[in-house]
Amino acid sequence: MNIYFLIILILLVLIGLYAIIRNLDIIKIILIYFKDKLLGK
């Protein structure tokens, strides 16, 4: 296996994990917002 391919693959996995973590934070904020809307705050 080419070492450059391995490095690129690792970078893509790290970027993907970072994006998923960021999206989970955004999803939590949206859920909190809708919960507050439903409770009439």
C-alpha atoms as a PDB file:
ATOM      1  CA  MET A   1       0.000   0.000   0.000  1.00  0.00           C
ATOM      2  CA  ASN A   2       1.282   3.434  -0.890  1.00  0.00           C
ATOM      3  CA  ILE A   3       2.207   5.542   2.148  1.00  0.00           C
ATOM      4  CA  TYR A   4       0.680   8.667   0.592  1.00  0.00           C
ATOM      5  CA  PHE A   5      -2.635   6.867   0.096  1.00  0.00           C
ATOM      6  CA  LEU A   6      -2.583   5.814   3.756  1.00  0.00           C
ATOM      7  CA  ILE A   7      -1.926   9.381   4.935  1.00  0.00           C
ATOM      8  CA  ILE A   8      -4.756  10.767   2.778  1.00  0.00           C
ATOM      9  CA  LEU A   9      -7.120   8.070   4.057  1.00  0.00           C
ATOM     10  CA  ILE A  10      -6.319   8.913   7.698  1.00  0.00           C
ATOM     11  CA  LEU A  11      -6.877  12.620   7.029  1.00  0.00           C
ATOM     12  CA  LEU A  12     -10.257  11.922   5.403  1.00  0.00           C
ATOM     13  CA  VAL A  13     -11.354   9.805   8.376  1.00  0.00           C
ATOM     14  CA  LEU A  14     -10.356  12.544  10.845  1.00  0.00           C
ATOM     15  CA  ILE A  15     -12.168  15.210   8.819  1.00  0.00           C
ATOM     16  CA  GLY A  16     -15.232  12.961   8.622  1.00  0.00           C
ATOM     17  CA  LEU A  17     -15.273  12.385  12.379  1.00  0.00           C
ATOM     18  CA  TYR A  18     -14.894  16.118  12.998  1.00  0.00           C
ATOM     19  CA  ALA A  19     -17.823  16.867  10.680  1.00  0.00           C
ATOM     20  CA  ILE A  20     -20.002  14.250  12.441  1.00  0.00           C
ATOM     21  CA  ILE A  21     -19.177  15.706  15.872  1.00  0.00           C
ATOM     22  CA  ARG A  22     -19.983  19.225  14.641  1.00  0.00           C
ATOM     23  CA  ASN A  23     -23.280  18.018  13.154  1.00  0.00           C
ATOM     24  CA  LEU A  24     -24.221  16.317  16.446  1.00  0.00           C
ATOM     25  CA  ASP A  25     -23.725  19.655  18.221  1.00  0.00           C
ATOM     26  CA  ILE A  26     -25.929  21.382  15.642  1.00  0.00           C
ATOM     27  CA  ILE A  27     -28.600  18.675  16.013  1.00  0.00           C
ATOM     28  CA  LYS A  28     -28.576  19.119  19.814  1.00  0.00           C
ATOM     29  CA  ILE A  29     -29.063  22.890  19.431  1.00  0.00           C
ATOM     30  CA  ILE A  30     -31.985  22.350  17.032  1.00  0.00           C
ATOM     31  CA  LEU A  31     -33.635  19.833  19.379  1.00  0.00           C
ATOM     32  CA  ILE A  32     -33.294  22.221  22.334  1.00  0.00           C
ATOM     33  CA  TYR A  33     -34.788  25.011  20.214  1.00  0.00           C
ATOM     34  CA  PHE A  34     -37.831  22.922  19.228  1.00  0.00           C
ATOM     35  CA  LYS A  35     -38.285  21.710  22.811  1.00  0.00           C
ATOM     36  CA  ASP A  36     -38.388  25.326  23.999  1.00  0.00           C
ATOM     37  CA  LYS A  37     -40.874  26.181  21.242  1.00  0.00           C
ATOM     38  CA  LEU A  38     -43.171  23.296  22.238  1.00  0.00           C
ATOM     39  CA  LEU A  39     -43.047  24.304  25.901  1.00  0.00           C
ATOM     40  CA  GLY A  40     -43.948  27.877  24.938  1.00  0.00           C
ATOM     41  CA  LYS A  41     -40.866  29.574  26.328  1.00  0.00           C
END
